[in-house]
Amino acid sequence: MDKNKKHTFTLSVEEINRINLKAGETLLVIDSETSTVKPANEEHFHEWLKNLHWGGEQ
């Protein structure tokens, strides 16, 4: 799979809040200027995803 390929999907505000609540911290924020969802901390978010991918948090 091409690692540079961008994927798009839609998250509701409720889903963003649920993800942040489950993680116990703010992982995702809404950029009000562009109306997009972005990681609050890019490096930490990718570490969290890697951990989730390898069976960490459920």
N, C-alpha and C. Protein backbone atom coordinates (compact mmCIF):
# COMPACT_ATOMS: atom_id res chain seq x y z
N MET A 1 0.84 -1.18 0.00
CA MET A 1 0.00 0.00 0.00
C MET A 1 0.89 1.25 0.00
N ASP A 2 0.46 2.24 -0.73
CA ASP A 2 1.20 3.49 -0.84
C ASP A 2 1.05 4.29 0.45
N LYS A 3 2.15 4.51 1.17
CA LYS A 3 2.10 5.21 2.45
C LYS A 3 1.79 6.69 2.30
N ASN A 4 2.00 7.25 1.11
CA ASN A 4 1.73 8.66 0.89
C ASN A 4 0.31 8.94 0.43
N LYS A 5 -0.46 7.91 0.21
CA LYS A 5 -1.84 8.08 -0.24
C LYS A 5 -2.71 8.57 0.92
N LYS A 6 -3.48 9.60 0.67
CA LYS A 6 -4.35 10.14 1.71
C LYS A 6 -5.71 9.47 1.65
N HIS A 7 -6.24 9.20 2.81
CA HIS A 7 -7.57 8.61 2.93
C HIS A 7 -8.47 9.64 3.60
N THR A 8 -9.69 9.73 3.18
CA THR A 8 -10.62 10.64 3.82
C THR A 8 -11.80 9.85 4.39
N PHE A 9 -12.30 10.33 5.49
CA PHE A 9 -13.49 9.77 6.12
C PHE A 9 -14.11 10.84 6.98
N THR A 10 -15.31 10.58 7.43
CA THR A 10 -16.06 11.56 8.20
C THR A 10 -16.22 11.09 9.64
N LEU A 11 -16.01 12.00 10.58
CA LEU A 11 -16.25 11.74 12.00
C LEU A 11 -17.19 12.81 12.53
N SER A 12 -18.15 12.40 13.32
CA SER A 12 -19.03 13.37 13.96
C SER A 12 -18.35 13.91 15.21
N VAL A 13 -18.85 15.00 15.72
CA VAL A 13 -18.32 15.56 16.97
C VAL A 13 -18.45 14.54 18.09
N GLU A 14 -19.55 13.81 18.11
CA GLU A 14 -19.76 12.79 19.13
C GLU A 14 -18.70 11.68 19.03
N GLU A 15 -18.37 11.28 17.80
CA GLU A 15 -17.35 10.24 17.62
C GLU A 15 -15.97 10.74 18.06
N ILE A 16 -15.66 11.98 17.75
CA ILE A 16 -14.39 12.56 18.19
C ILE A 16 -14.33 12.59 19.71
N ASN A 17 -15.40 13.01 20.34
CA ASN A 17 -15.45 13.04 21.80
C ASN A 17 -15.31 11.64 22.39
N ARG A 18 -15.94 10.65 21.76
CA ARG A 18 -15.87 9.27 22.23
C ARG A 18 -14.43 8.74 22.13
N ILE A 19 -13.74 9.03 21.03
CA ILE A 19 -12.35 8.61 20.86
C ILE A 19 -11.47 9.25 21.94
N ASN A 20 -11.64 10.56 22.15
CA ASN A 20 -10.85 11.26 23.16
C ASN A 20 -11.14 10.72 24.56
N LEU A 21 -12.41 10.44 24.85
CA LEU A 21 -12.79 9.91 26.16
C LEU A 21 -12.18 8.52 26.37
N LYS A 22 -12.28 7.67 25.35
CA LYS A 22 -11.74 6.32 25.47
C LYS A 22 -10.22 6.35 25.65
N ALA A 23 -9.56 7.27 24.98
CA ALA A 23 -8.11 7.39 25.10
C ALA A 23 -7.70 8.00 26.44
N GLY A 24 -8.62 8.69 27.09
CA GLY A 24 -8.30 9.34 28.37
C GLY A 24 -7.54 10.64 28.20
N GLU A 25 -7.49 11.14 26.97
CA GLU A 25 -6.79 12.39 26.69
C GLU A 25 -7.29 12.93 25.34
N THR A 26 -6.93 14.14 25.04
CA THR A 26 -7.34 14.74 23.77
C THR A 26 -6.38 14.28 22.68
N LEU A 27 -6.88 13.40 21.81
CA LEU A 27 -6.09 12.94 20.68
C LEU A 27 -6.46 13.70 19.41
N LEU A 28 -7.76 14.01 19.27
CA LEU A 28 -8.25 14.67 18.06
C LEU A 28 -8.89 16.00 18.40
N VAL A 29 -8.65 16.98 17.55
CA VAL A 29 -9.27 18.30 17.69
C VAL A 29 -9.86 18.72 16.35
N ILE A 30 -10.79 19.64 16.38
CA ILE A 30 -11.40 20.16 15.16
C ILE A 30 -10.77 21.51 14.86
N ASP A 31 -10.22 21.62 13.66
CA ASP A 31 -9.64 22.88 13.19
C ASP A 31 -10.80 23.71 12.64
N SER A 32 -11.16 24.76 13.36
CA SER A 32 -12.33 25.57 12.97
C SER A 32 -12.11 26.35 11.68
N GLU A 33 -10.87 26.62 11.33
CA GLU A 33 -10.59 27.36 10.09
C GLU A 33 -10.84 26.50 8.85
N THR A 34 -10.48 25.23 8.93
CA THR A 34 -10.61 24.35 7.77
C THR A 34 -11.73 23.32 7.91
N SER A 35 -12.38 23.29 9.07
CA SER A 35 -13.44 22.30 9.36
C SER A 35 -12.94 20.87 9.16
N THR A 36 -11.74 20.63 9.62
CA THR A 36 -11.17 19.28 9.54
C THR A 36 -10.77 18.80 10.93
N VAL A 37 -10.65 17.49 11.04
CA VAL A 37 -10.20 16.88 12.29
C VAL A 37 -8.71 16.62 12.17
N LYS A 38 -7.97 17.00 13.20
CA LYS A 38 -6.52 16.83 13.20
C LYS A 38 -6.07 16.26 14.54
N PRO A 39 -4.95 15.57 14.55
CA PRO A 39 -4.39 15.12 15.83
C PRO A 39 -3.98 16.33 16.67
N ALA A 40 -4.24 16.26 17.97
CA ALA A 40 -3.81 17.33 18.87
C ALA A 40 -2.29 17.37 18.93
N ASN A 41 -1.66 16.20 18.90
CA ASN A 41 -0.20 16.06 18.89
C ASN A 41 0.12 14.95 17.89
N GLU A 42 0.64 15.32 16.75
CA GLU A 42 0.86 14.38 15.64
C GLU A 42 1.70 13.16 16.05
N GLU A 43 2.82 13.39 16.71
CA GLU A 43 3.71 12.29 17.10
C GLU A 43 3.02 11.35 18.09
N HIS A 44 2.39 11.91 19.10
CA HIS A 44 1.71 11.10 20.10
C HIS A 44 0.55 10.32 19.49
N PHE A 45 -0.18 10.94 18.58
CA PHE A 45 -1.30 10.29 17.93
C PHE A 45 -0.84 9.08 17.13
N HIS A 46 0.26 9.20 16.40
CA HIS A 46 0.76 8.08 15.61
C HIS A 46 1.27 6.95 16.51
N GLU A 47 1.86 7.29 17.63
CA GLU A 47 2.27 6.26 18.60
C GLU A 47 1.05 5.53 19.15
N TRP A 48 -0.02 6.28 19.44
CA TRP A 48 -1.26 5.68 19.94
C TRP A 48 -1.85 4.74 18.89
N LEU A 49 -1.86 5.17 17.62
CA LEU A 49 -2.37 4.32 16.54
C LEU A 49 -1.54 3.05 16.39
N LYS A 50 -0.22 3.19 16.47
CA LYS A 50 0.64 2.02 16.34
C LYS A 50 0.36 1.04 17.47
N ASN A 51 0.21 1.55 18.68
CA ASN A 51 -0.10 0.71 19.83
C ASN A 51 -1.46 0.02 19.65
N LEU A 52 -2.43 0.75 19.15
CA LEU A 52 -3.77 0.19 18.91
C LEU A 52 -3.70 -0.88 17.84
N HIS A 53 -2.93 -0.64 16.79
CA HIS A 53 -2.78 -1.61 15.70
C HIS A 53 -2.17 -2.91 16.19
N TRP A 54 -1.23 -2.84 17.10
CA TRP A 54 -0.56 -4.04 17.58
C TRP A 54 -1.24 -4.67 18.78
N GLY A 55 -2.50 -4.30 19.05
CA GLY A 55 -3.28 -4.96 20.09
C GLY A 55 -3.17 -4.33 21.45
N GLY A 56 -2.77 -3.09 21.52
CA GLY A 56 -2.67 -2.39 22.81
C GLY A 56 -4.04 -2.14 23.37
N GLU A 57 -4.48 -0.91 23.31
CA GLU A 57 -5.80 -0.55 23.85
C GLU A 57 -6.89 -1.17 23.01
N GLN A 58 -7.97 -1.54 23.63
CA GLN A 58 -9.12 -2.11 22.91
C GLN A 58 -10.32 -1.23 23.08
